[in-house]
């Protein structure tokens, strides 16, 4: 299981990502990309 730390209103919040949740997130992202629901700079290194 992996974790990531984000900061919300000066408070650090830890998120837990297991294999199942990662697969669900990736599935949703791919589904949205295929529907062309993305901004021009998302999912790239362009800023």
Protein backbone atom coordinates (compact mmCIF):
# COMPACT_ATOMS: atom_id res chain seq x y z
CA UNK A 1 0.00 0.00 0.00
CA UNK A 2 1.36 3.42 -0.86
CA UNK A 3 0.63 6.79 0.62
CA UNK A 4 0.76 10.36 -0.53
CA UNK A 5 0.76 13.50 1.55
CA UNK A 6 -1.22 16.61 0.60
CA UNK A 7 -1.62 19.89 2.41
CA UNK A 8 -5.10 21.35 2.92
CA UNK A 9 -5.49 24.64 4.77
CA UNK A 10 -2.00 24.31 6.30
CA UNK A 11 -2.86 20.80 7.54
CA UNK A 12 -1.10 17.75 6.14
CA UNK A 13 -3.48 14.95 5.17
CA UNK A 14 -2.29 11.45 4.29
CA UNK A 15 -4.05 9.48 1.57
CA UNK A 16 -3.79 5.68 1.36
CA UNK A 17 -3.71 4.09 -2.10
CA UNK A 18 -3.89 0.32 -2.37
CA UNK A 19 -3.79 -1.63 -5.63
CA UNK A 20 -7.58 -1.69 -5.99
CA UNK A 21 -7.99 2.06 -5.49
CA UNK A 22 -5.14 2.79 -7.89
CA UNK A 23 -6.76 0.59 -10.54
CA UNK A 24 -10.12 2.33 -10.06
CA UNK A 25 -8.50 5.77 -10.34
CA UNK A 26 -6.63 4.76 -13.51
CA UNK A 27 -9.79 3.28 -15.02
CA UNK A 28 -11.70 6.52 -14.40
CA UNK A 29 -8.86 8.62 -15.86
CA UNK A 30 -8.65 6.47 -19.00
CA UNK A 31 -12.43 6.55 -19.41
CA UNK A 32 -12.44 10.37 -19.23
CA UNK A 33 -9.50 10.68 -21.64
CA UNK A 34 -11.29 8.46 -24.16
CA UNK A 35 -14.36 10.71 -23.84
CA UNK A 36 -11.99 13.66 -24.52
CA UNK A 37 -12.77 15.17 -21.11
CA UNK A 38 -9.35 16.62 -20.43
CA UNK A 39 -7.72 20.00 -20.42
CA UNK A 40 -4.89 20.58 -22.89
CA UNK A 41 -2.17 20.40 -20.22
CA UNK A 42 -3.42 17.55 -18.05
CA UNK A 43 -1.56 14.25 -18.13
CA UNK A 44 1.53 15.91 -19.64
CA UNK A 45 4.64 17.57 -18.26
CA UNK A 46 3.69 20.90 -19.92
CA UNK A 47 2.98 23.71 -17.52
